[in-house]
N, C-alpha and C. Protein backbone atom coordinates (compact mmCIF):
# COMPACT_ATOMS: atom_id res chain seq x y z
N MET A 1 18.55 -14.33 49.86
CA MET A 1 19.23 -13.56 48.85
C MET A 1 18.90 -14.08 47.46
N THR A 2 18.90 -15.40 47.26
CA THR A 2 18.59 -15.99 45.97
C THR A 2 17.15 -15.71 45.57
N ARG A 3 16.25 -15.81 46.54
CA ARG A 3 14.84 -15.56 46.28
C ARG A 3 14.64 -14.11 45.83
N THR A 4 15.35 -13.18 46.42
CA THR A 4 15.24 -11.76 46.06
C THR A 4 15.75 -11.54 44.64
N ARG A 5 16.87 -12.16 44.29
CA ARG A 5 17.41 -12.02 42.93
C ARG A 5 16.44 -12.59 41.90
N ILE A 6 15.87 -13.74 42.19
CA ILE A 6 14.91 -14.35 41.26
C ILE A 6 13.69 -13.44 41.10
N SER A 7 13.19 -12.91 42.21
CA SER A 7 12.03 -12.01 42.16
C SER A 7 12.35 -10.76 41.35
N LEU A 8 13.53 -10.18 41.58
CA LEU A 8 13.91 -8.99 40.83
C LEU A 8 14.11 -9.29 39.35
N ALA A 9 14.69 -10.44 39.05
CA ALA A 9 14.88 -10.83 37.66
C ALA A 9 13.53 -11.03 36.97
N ALA A 10 12.59 -11.69 37.67
CA ALA A 10 11.25 -11.91 37.10
C ALA A 10 10.55 -10.58 36.87
N LEU A 11 10.64 -9.67 37.83
CA LEU A 11 10.04 -8.35 37.67
C LEU A 11 10.68 -7.59 36.51
N GLY A 12 11.98 -7.73 36.37
CA GLY A 12 12.68 -7.07 35.26
C GLY A 12 12.21 -7.59 33.91
N VAL A 13 12.07 -8.91 33.81
CA VAL A 13 11.59 -9.52 32.57
C VAL A 13 10.16 -9.05 32.27
N LEU A 14 9.30 -9.06 33.28
CA LEU A 14 7.93 -8.59 33.07
C LEU A 14 7.89 -7.12 32.66
N PHE A 15 8.74 -6.31 33.28
CA PHE A 15 8.81 -4.90 32.95
C PHE A 15 9.23 -4.70 31.49
N VAL A 16 10.27 -5.43 31.06
CA VAL A 16 10.76 -5.30 29.68
C VAL A 16 9.69 -5.77 28.70
N LEU A 17 9.10 -6.94 28.96
CA LEU A 17 8.07 -7.45 28.06
C LEU A 17 6.85 -6.55 28.04
N GLY A 18 6.40 -6.12 29.20
CA GLY A 18 5.24 -5.22 29.27
C GLY A 18 5.51 -3.89 28.62
N GLY A 19 6.69 -3.33 28.86
CA GLY A 19 7.06 -2.06 28.24
C GLY A 19 7.19 -2.19 26.74
N GLY A 20 7.77 -3.30 26.28
CA GLY A 20 7.91 -3.52 24.84
C GLY A 20 6.56 -3.64 24.16
N ALA A 21 5.66 -4.41 24.76
CA ALA A 21 4.32 -4.57 24.18
C ALA A 21 3.57 -3.24 24.21
N GLY A 22 3.66 -2.54 25.34
CA GLY A 22 2.98 -1.24 25.44
C GLY A 22 3.54 -0.25 24.44
N GLY A 23 4.84 -0.24 24.28
CA GLY A 23 5.47 0.65 23.31
C GLY A 23 5.04 0.32 21.90
N TYR A 24 4.97 -0.97 21.59
CA TYR A 24 4.53 -1.38 20.26
C TYR A 24 3.10 -0.92 20.00
N TYR A 25 2.21 -1.15 20.94
CA TYR A 25 0.83 -0.75 20.74
C TYR A 25 0.69 0.77 20.63
N TRP A 26 1.52 1.51 21.38
CA TRP A 26 1.48 2.97 21.25
C TRP A 26 1.99 3.38 19.88
N TYR A 27 3.13 2.81 19.46
CA TYR A 27 3.73 3.20 18.19
C TYR A 27 2.85 2.81 17.02
N ALA A 28 2.35 1.58 17.02
CA ALA A 28 1.53 1.11 15.91
C ALA A 28 0.13 1.68 15.96
N GLY A 29 -0.24 2.24 17.10
CA GLY A 29 -1.56 2.85 17.20
C GLY A 29 -2.68 1.84 17.20
N LEU A 30 -2.43 0.70 17.78
CA LEU A 30 -3.43 -0.35 17.78
C LEU A 30 -4.41 -0.14 18.93
N ASP A 31 -5.23 0.85 18.78
CA ASP A 31 -6.20 1.20 19.79
C ASP A 31 -7.58 0.82 19.28
N ALA A 32 -8.02 -0.38 19.60
CA ALA A 32 -9.28 -0.90 19.08
C ALA A 32 -10.46 -0.04 19.49
N ALA A 33 -10.39 0.57 20.67
CA ALA A 33 -11.53 1.37 21.14
C ALA A 33 -11.74 2.60 20.27
N SER A 34 -10.65 3.24 19.83
CA SER A 34 -10.80 4.46 19.05
C SER A 34 -10.76 4.21 17.56
N GLY A 35 -10.25 3.06 17.13
CA GLY A 35 -10.12 2.78 15.72
C GLY A 35 -9.06 3.64 15.05
N VAL A 36 -8.16 4.23 15.83
CA VAL A 36 -7.14 5.13 15.32
C VAL A 36 -5.88 4.34 15.06
N SER A 37 -5.21 4.65 13.97
CA SER A 37 -3.95 4.01 13.65
C SER A 37 -2.84 5.04 13.66
N GLY A 38 -1.74 4.73 14.33
CA GLY A 38 -0.60 5.61 14.35
C GLY A 38 0.26 5.46 13.11
N VAL A 39 0.03 4.43 12.30
CA VAL A 39 0.75 4.24 11.07
C VAL A 39 -0.10 4.90 9.99
N CYS A 40 0.26 6.12 9.64
CA CYS A 40 -0.57 6.91 8.74
C CYS A 40 -0.10 6.77 7.29
N VAL A 41 -1.04 6.59 6.42
CA VAL A 41 -0.80 6.56 4.98
C VAL A 41 -1.62 7.68 4.37
N PRO A 42 -1.29 8.10 3.16
CA PRO A 42 -2.07 9.17 2.55
C PRO A 42 -3.53 8.77 2.34
N GLU A 43 -4.38 9.77 2.39
CA GLU A 43 -5.81 9.59 2.13
C GLU A 43 -5.98 9.01 0.73
N ASP A 44 -6.82 7.98 0.61
CA ASP A 44 -7.09 7.42 -0.71
C ASP A 44 -8.53 6.94 -0.85
N ALA A 45 -9.44 7.71 -0.26
CA ALA A 45 -10.86 7.33 -0.28
C ALA A 45 -11.49 7.52 -1.65
N THR A 46 -10.98 8.45 -2.46
CA THR A 46 -11.59 8.74 -3.76
C THR A 46 -10.57 8.53 -4.87
N ASP A 47 -11.04 8.46 -6.10
CA ASP A 47 -10.15 8.37 -7.25
C ASP A 47 -9.21 9.58 -7.31
N ARG A 48 -9.73 10.76 -6.98
CA ARG A 48 -8.92 11.97 -7.01
C ARG A 48 -7.81 11.92 -5.96
N ASP A 49 -8.11 11.32 -4.79
CA ASP A 49 -7.07 11.13 -3.77
C ASP A 49 -6.01 10.17 -4.30
N LYS A 50 -6.45 9.07 -4.85
CA LYS A 50 -5.51 8.06 -5.35
C LYS A 50 -4.61 8.64 -6.43
N ALA A 51 -5.19 9.40 -7.37
CA ALA A 51 -4.41 9.98 -8.46
C ALA A 51 -3.38 10.98 -7.91
N GLY A 52 -3.73 11.70 -6.86
CA GLY A 52 -2.80 12.66 -6.28
C GLY A 52 -1.68 12.04 -5.49
N ASN A 53 -1.82 10.80 -5.11
CA ASN A 53 -0.81 10.12 -4.28
C ASN A 53 0.27 9.40 -5.08
N VAL A 54 0.12 9.34 -6.39
CA VAL A 54 1.04 8.52 -7.19
C VAL A 54 1.79 9.36 -8.21
N ALA A 55 2.92 8.84 -8.65
CA ALA A 55 3.73 9.51 -9.66
C ALA A 55 3.27 9.17 -11.07
N THR A 56 2.67 7.98 -11.22
CA THR A 56 2.28 7.50 -12.54
C THR A 56 0.89 6.90 -12.50
N VAL A 57 0.09 7.22 -13.51
CA VAL A 57 -1.19 6.55 -13.75
C VAL A 57 -1.15 6.14 -15.23
N ALA A 58 -1.36 4.85 -15.49
CA ALA A 58 -1.27 4.35 -16.86
C ALA A 58 -2.17 3.16 -17.08
N VAL A 59 -2.55 2.98 -18.33
CA VAL A 59 -3.27 1.78 -18.75
C VAL A 59 -2.20 0.78 -19.17
N VAL A 60 -2.24 -0.41 -18.56
CA VAL A 60 -1.22 -1.42 -18.83
C VAL A 60 -1.88 -2.78 -19.08
N THR A 61 -1.13 -3.64 -19.72
CA THR A 61 -1.49 -5.06 -19.82
C THR A 61 -0.40 -5.85 -19.12
N VAL A 62 -0.80 -6.78 -18.28
CA VAL A 62 0.17 -7.61 -17.56
C VAL A 62 0.66 -8.68 -18.52
N ASP A 63 1.98 -8.70 -18.75
CA ASP A 63 2.58 -9.69 -19.64
C ASP A 63 2.88 -10.99 -18.91
N ALA A 64 3.50 -10.88 -17.74
CA ALA A 64 3.89 -12.08 -16.98
C ALA A 64 4.31 -11.69 -15.59
N HIS A 65 4.26 -12.67 -14.69
CA HIS A 65 4.83 -12.49 -13.36
C HIS A 65 6.30 -12.88 -13.46
N VAL A 66 7.17 -12.07 -12.88
CA VAL A 66 8.60 -12.34 -12.99
C VAL A 66 9.25 -12.74 -11.68
N ALA A 67 8.59 -12.48 -10.57
CA ALA A 67 9.13 -12.88 -9.26
C ALA A 67 8.00 -12.84 -8.25
N ASN A 68 8.15 -13.65 -7.21
CA ASN A 68 7.13 -13.74 -6.18
C ASN A 68 7.82 -14.04 -4.86
N GLY A 69 7.45 -13.33 -3.82
CA GLY A 69 8.03 -13.63 -2.52
C GLY A 69 7.84 -12.51 -1.54
N GLY A 70 7.75 -12.86 -0.28
CA GLY A 70 7.61 -11.86 0.77
C GLY A 70 6.33 -11.07 0.71
N GLY A 71 5.27 -11.66 0.17
CA GLY A 71 3.99 -10.96 0.08
C GLY A 71 3.90 -10.01 -1.10
N VAL A 72 4.91 -10.05 -1.98
CA VAL A 72 4.94 -9.17 -3.15
C VAL A 72 5.12 -10.00 -4.41
N ARG A 73 4.42 -9.61 -5.46
CA ARG A 73 4.60 -10.23 -6.77
C ARG A 73 5.08 -9.14 -7.72
N LEU A 74 6.16 -9.42 -8.43
CA LEU A 74 6.64 -8.51 -9.47
C LEU A 74 6.07 -8.97 -10.80
N SER A 75 5.53 -8.02 -11.56
CA SER A 75 4.93 -8.33 -12.86
C SER A 75 5.52 -7.42 -13.92
N ARG A 76 5.75 -8.00 -15.10
CA ARG A 76 6.16 -7.21 -16.25
C ARG A 76 4.89 -6.77 -16.98
N VAL A 77 4.80 -5.48 -17.26
CA VAL A 77 3.61 -4.93 -17.93
C VAL A 77 4.02 -4.11 -19.14
N THR A 78 3.10 -4.05 -20.11
CA THR A 78 3.24 -3.18 -21.27
C THR A 78 2.35 -1.97 -21.04
N VAL A 79 2.92 -0.79 -21.23
CA VAL A 79 2.17 0.46 -21.03
C VAL A 79 1.52 0.85 -22.36
N HIS A 80 0.19 1.07 -22.31
CA HIS A 80 -0.55 1.44 -23.52
C HIS A 80 -0.90 2.92 -23.57
N ASP A 81 -1.23 3.49 -22.42
CA ASP A 81 -1.69 4.87 -22.39
C ASP A 81 -1.26 5.48 -21.06
N VAL A 82 -0.54 6.59 -21.12
CA VAL A 82 -0.06 7.26 -19.92
C VAL A 82 -1.00 8.42 -19.60
N LEU A 83 -1.55 8.41 -18.39
CA LEU A 83 -2.44 9.48 -17.94
C LEU A 83 -1.73 10.44 -17.01
N LYS A 84 -0.64 10.01 -16.41
CA LYS A 84 0.17 10.84 -15.51
C LYS A 84 1.56 10.24 -15.43
N GLY A 85 2.56 11.09 -15.43
CA GLY A 85 3.93 10.63 -15.29
C GLY A 85 4.60 10.37 -16.63
N ASP A 86 5.74 9.69 -16.56
CA ASP A 86 6.53 9.43 -17.75
C ASP A 86 7.18 8.06 -17.66
N PRO A 87 6.37 6.99 -17.64
CA PRO A 87 6.95 5.65 -17.54
C PRO A 87 7.49 5.18 -18.90
N GLY A 88 8.27 4.13 -18.85
CA GLY A 88 8.74 3.52 -20.09
C GLY A 88 7.64 2.71 -20.75
N ALA A 89 7.96 2.10 -21.88
CA ALA A 89 6.99 1.31 -22.64
C ALA A 89 6.69 -0.02 -21.95
N THR A 90 7.66 -0.55 -21.22
CA THR A 90 7.45 -1.75 -20.40
C THR A 90 8.01 -1.46 -19.02
N LEU A 91 7.37 -2.06 -18.02
CA LEU A 91 7.77 -1.85 -16.63
C LEU A 91 7.74 -3.17 -15.89
N VAL A 92 8.51 -3.24 -14.82
CA VAL A 92 8.37 -4.32 -13.84
C VAL A 92 7.92 -3.64 -12.56
N ILE A 93 6.73 -4.03 -12.08
CA ILE A 93 6.11 -3.36 -10.94
C ILE A 93 5.78 -4.35 -9.84
N GLY A 94 5.78 -3.86 -8.60
CA GLY A 94 5.48 -4.70 -7.44
C GLY A 94 4.05 -4.49 -6.99
N ARG A 95 3.43 -5.58 -6.54
CA ARG A 95 2.05 -5.55 -6.08
C ARG A 95 1.91 -6.49 -4.89
N SER A 96 1.22 -6.04 -3.84
CA SER A 96 0.94 -6.92 -2.71
C SER A 96 0.05 -8.05 -3.17
N VAL A 97 0.26 -9.19 -2.58
CA VAL A 97 -0.62 -10.33 -2.87
C VAL A 97 -1.42 -10.62 -1.61
N PRO A 98 -2.64 -11.12 -1.76
CA PRO A 98 -3.48 -11.35 -0.59
C PRO A 98 -3.00 -12.52 0.25
N VAL A 99 -3.35 -12.46 1.51
CA VAL A 99 -3.12 -13.59 2.40
C VAL A 99 -4.06 -14.70 1.94
N PRO A 100 -3.57 -15.94 1.81
CA PRO A 100 -4.46 -17.02 1.36
C PRO A 100 -5.75 -17.05 2.17
N GLY A 101 -6.86 -17.15 1.47
CA GLY A 101 -8.17 -17.21 2.11
C GLY A 101 -8.83 -15.86 2.29
N SER A 102 -8.08 -14.76 2.07
CA SER A 102 -8.69 -13.44 2.21
C SER A 102 -9.36 -13.07 0.89
N HIS A 103 -10.30 -12.17 0.97
CA HIS A 103 -11.02 -11.73 -0.22
C HIS A 103 -10.99 -10.21 -0.31
N ASP A 104 -9.83 -9.61 -0.01
CA ASP A 104 -9.67 -8.17 -0.01
C ASP A 104 -9.40 -7.70 -1.43
N ASP A 105 -10.37 -7.01 -2.05
CA ASP A 105 -10.23 -6.54 -3.42
C ASP A 105 -9.06 -5.58 -3.60
N ALA A 106 -8.67 -4.89 -2.53
CA ALA A 106 -7.57 -3.93 -2.63
C ALA A 106 -6.25 -4.61 -2.96
N PHE A 107 -6.13 -5.91 -2.71
CA PHE A 107 -4.87 -6.59 -2.94
C PHE A 107 -4.99 -7.76 -3.91
N VAL A 108 -5.98 -7.72 -4.78
CA VAL A 108 -6.10 -8.77 -5.78
C VAL A 108 -4.91 -8.66 -6.72
N PRO A 109 -4.16 -9.74 -6.91
CA PRO A 109 -2.98 -9.67 -7.77
C PRO A 109 -3.36 -9.39 -9.23
N LEU A 110 -2.46 -8.74 -9.93
CA LEU A 110 -2.65 -8.49 -11.35
C LEU A 110 -2.49 -9.81 -12.10
N ALA A 111 -3.38 -10.06 -13.06
CA ALA A 111 -3.38 -11.33 -13.78
C ALA A 111 -2.81 -11.15 -15.19
N PRO A 112 -1.89 -12.02 -15.60
CA PRO A 112 -1.33 -11.94 -16.95
C PRO A 112 -2.45 -12.00 -18.01
N GLY A 113 -2.26 -11.18 -19.05
CA GLY A 113 -3.21 -11.14 -20.14
C GLY A 113 -4.36 -10.17 -19.92
N HIS A 114 -4.41 -9.54 -18.75
CA HIS A 114 -5.50 -8.61 -18.45
C HIS A 114 -5.00 -7.18 -18.43
N ARG A 115 -5.93 -6.26 -18.70
CA ARG A 115 -5.62 -4.83 -18.78
C ARG A 115 -6.13 -4.14 -17.52
N TYR A 116 -5.32 -3.20 -17.02
CA TYR A 116 -5.65 -2.45 -15.80
C TYR A 116 -5.25 -0.99 -15.97
N VAL A 117 -5.89 -0.14 -15.19
CA VAL A 117 -5.36 1.19 -14.94
C VAL A 117 -4.66 1.08 -13.60
N VAL A 118 -3.37 1.42 -13.58
CA VAL A 118 -2.60 1.32 -12.34
C VAL A 118 -2.06 2.68 -11.94
N GLY A 119 -1.98 2.88 -10.64
CA GLY A 119 -1.31 4.05 -10.08
C GLY A 119 -0.06 3.55 -9.39
N LEU A 120 1.08 4.12 -9.74
CA LEU A 120 2.37 3.65 -9.23
C LEU A 120 3.06 4.69 -8.38
N LYS A 121 3.53 4.25 -7.22
CA LYS A 121 4.40 5.05 -6.37
C LYS A 121 5.84 4.72 -6.77
N GLU A 122 6.70 5.70 -6.67
CA GLU A 122 8.11 5.43 -6.93
C GLU A 122 8.65 4.56 -5.81
N ALA A 123 9.28 3.46 -6.17
CA ALA A 123 9.83 2.52 -5.19
C ALA A 123 10.83 1.63 -5.90
N THR A 124 12.09 2.01 -5.88
CA THR A 124 13.11 1.28 -6.63
C THR A 124 13.30 -0.15 -6.15
N GLU A 125 12.93 -0.41 -4.89
CA GLU A 125 13.06 -1.80 -4.41
C GLU A 125 12.09 -2.74 -5.14
N TYR A 126 11.11 -2.16 -5.84
CA TYR A 126 10.18 -2.95 -6.66
C TYR A 126 10.38 -2.59 -8.11
N ARG A 127 11.59 -2.34 -8.48
CA ARG A 127 12.05 -1.99 -9.82
C ARG A 127 11.44 -0.68 -10.31
N ASP A 128 10.37 -0.74 -11.11
CA ASP A 128 9.84 0.48 -11.73
C ASP A 128 8.70 1.12 -10.95
N GLY A 129 8.31 0.55 -9.82
CA GLY A 129 7.27 1.17 -9.02
C GLY A 129 6.43 0.18 -8.24
N TRP A 130 5.70 0.73 -7.28
CA TRP A 130 4.80 -0.02 -6.42
C TRP A 130 3.37 0.31 -6.80
N VAL A 131 2.54 -0.70 -6.97
CA VAL A 131 1.14 -0.48 -7.36
C VAL A 131 0.37 0.02 -6.15
N TRP A 132 -0.02 1.29 -6.18
CA TRP A 132 -0.83 1.89 -5.11
C TRP A 132 -2.29 1.54 -5.32
N PHE A 133 -2.72 1.51 -6.59
CA PHE A 133 -4.08 1.08 -6.91
C PHE A 133 -4.08 0.45 -8.30
N ALA A 134 -5.05 -0.41 -8.53
CA ALA A 134 -5.25 -1.02 -9.85
C ALA A 134 -6.74 -1.27 -10.02
N THR A 135 -7.25 -0.90 -11.17
CA THR A 135 -8.65 -1.19 -11.50
C THR A 135 -8.68 -1.85 -12.86
N SER A 136 -9.59 -2.78 -13.02
CA SER A 136 -9.69 -3.50 -14.29
C SER A 136 -10.11 -2.56 -15.41
N ALA A 137 -9.52 -2.77 -16.56
CA ALA A 137 -9.91 -2.02 -17.76
C ALA A 137 -10.30 -3.00 -18.86
N ASP A 138 -10.54 -4.25 -18.50
CA ASP A 138 -10.89 -5.27 -19.48
C ASP A 138 -12.26 -5.05 -20.11
N ASN A 139 -13.26 -4.77 -19.28
CA ASN A 139 -14.64 -4.72 -19.77
C ASN A 139 -14.98 -3.46 -20.55
N ASP A 140 -14.47 -2.31 -20.11
CA ASP A 140 -14.79 -1.05 -20.77
C ASP A 140 -13.60 -0.12 -20.68
N LEU A 141 -12.68 -0.28 -21.61
CA LEU A 141 -11.45 0.51 -21.62
C LEU A 141 -11.74 2.00 -21.72
N THR A 142 -12.72 2.38 -22.53
CA THR A 142 -13.05 3.80 -22.71
C THR A 142 -13.51 4.41 -21.40
N ALA A 143 -14.37 3.72 -20.67
CA ALA A 143 -14.87 4.23 -19.38
C ALA A 143 -13.76 4.28 -18.34
N ALA A 144 -12.91 3.25 -18.29
CA ALA A 144 -11.81 3.23 -17.33
C ALA A 144 -10.84 4.37 -17.61
N ARG A 145 -10.50 4.58 -18.87
CA ARG A 145 -9.59 5.66 -19.25
C ARG A 145 -10.20 7.01 -18.88
N ALA A 146 -11.47 7.23 -19.17
CA ALA A 146 -12.14 8.50 -18.86
C ALA A 146 -12.20 8.73 -17.36
N ARG A 147 -12.51 7.69 -16.60
CA ARG A 147 -12.59 7.80 -15.13
C ARG A 147 -11.27 8.29 -14.55
N TRP A 148 -10.16 7.68 -14.98
CA TRP A 148 -8.87 8.01 -14.39
C TRP A 148 -8.26 9.27 -14.99
N ALA A 149 -8.60 9.61 -16.23
CA ALA A 149 -8.16 10.89 -16.79
C ALA A 149 -8.80 12.03 -16.01
N ASP A 150 -10.08 11.89 -15.66
CA ASP A 150 -10.77 12.89 -14.84
C ASP A 150 -10.13 12.98 -13.45
N ALA A 151 -9.83 11.83 -12.86
CA ALA A 151 -9.21 11.82 -11.52
C ALA A 151 -7.86 12.53 -11.53
N VAL A 152 -7.06 12.30 -12.58
CA VAL A 152 -5.76 12.95 -12.69
C VAL A 152 -5.95 14.46 -12.91
N ALA A 153 -6.90 14.84 -13.76
CA ALA A 153 -7.13 16.26 -14.04
C ALA A 153 -7.59 17.03 -12.80
N HIS A 154 -8.25 16.35 -11.88
CA HIS A 154 -8.80 17.00 -10.68
C HIS A 154 -8.23 16.41 -9.39
N GLN A 155 -7.01 15.90 -9.46
CA GLN A 155 -6.42 15.19 -8.32
C GLN A 155 -6.27 16.08 -7.10
N ASN A 156 -6.42 15.44 -5.95
CA ASN A 156 -6.20 16.10 -4.67
C ASN A 156 -4.73 15.97 -4.29
N PRO A 157 -4.18 16.98 -3.62
CA PRO A 157 -2.80 16.84 -3.15
C PRO A 157 -2.73 15.77 -2.06
N PRO A 158 -1.60 15.09 -1.95
CA PRO A 158 -1.46 14.09 -0.89
C PRO A 158 -1.67 14.72 0.48
N ARG A 159 -2.39 14.02 1.35
CA ARG A 159 -2.63 14.48 2.71
C ARG A 159 -2.84 13.25 3.59
N PRO A 160 -2.60 13.38 4.89
CA PRO A 160 -2.76 12.22 5.78
C PRO A 160 -4.20 11.73 5.79
N ASP A 161 -4.36 10.45 5.98
CA ASP A 161 -5.68 9.85 6.13
C ASP A 161 -6.40 10.55 7.28
N ARG A 162 -7.64 10.88 7.08
CA ARG A 162 -8.42 11.61 8.09
C ARG A 162 -8.59 10.82 9.38
N ARG A 163 -8.35 9.51 9.35
CA ARG A 163 -8.47 8.67 10.55
C ARG A 163 -7.20 8.69 11.38
N CYS A 164 -6.13 9.31 10.87
CA CYS A 164 -4.86 9.37 11.61
C CYS A 164 -5.00 10.30 12.80
N ASP A 165 -4.27 9.96 13.82
CA ASP A 165 -4.22 10.77 15.03
C ASP A 165 -2.77 11.14 15.23
N ASP A 166 -2.39 12.35 14.79
CA ASP A 166 -0.99 12.75 14.84
C ASP A 166 -0.39 12.75 16.23
N ARG A 167 -1.23 12.82 17.25
CA ARG A 167 -0.70 12.79 18.62
C ARG A 167 -0.10 11.44 18.96
N ARG A 168 -0.45 10.41 18.20
CA ARG A 168 0.00 9.07 18.54
C ARG A 168 1.17 8.61 17.69
N VAL A 169 1.54 9.35 16.66
CA VAL A 169 2.61 8.93 15.78
C VAL A 169 3.95 9.15 16.48
N ALA A 170 4.75 8.12 16.49
CA ALA A 170 6.06 8.19 17.15
C ALA A 170 6.96 9.15 16.40
N PRO A 171 7.85 9.83 17.10
CA PRO A 171 8.78 10.78 16.45
C PRO A 171 9.75 10.07 15.52
């Protein structure tokens, strides 16, 4: 009787762990063979896609970092030129920071004293917005401004990333 209970308990634990892991992989869409992700974000392959996904596009200078934690850095910025939206003259915005040792340009933190064109998603948990994209405007402000003004003028409407597989997204 004891051996049967232990066997059933072990099978139950394996079932729960296996089902939990399988459910996670199904929900997260971690299917290495297909390269499909069930966690879908808007398409952002082009500047026009990026401009269409955000509420604000502006030329800013980073004044200072005001908080850091949980993989996010909050920075105070001065807005110089608004290309889309209606932000204030100064903002506090959130930006992902890279994992130490990574070299992912998509998450390079904003540096104080430098100028960027930023695209911001509305996200009150990061005060005035979340940085969806940032490109340097230090070297050629005129070219950066023209690039993003064109992207805003011809922006694409938000749409799911073409790599998403809607059949795998959990309800």
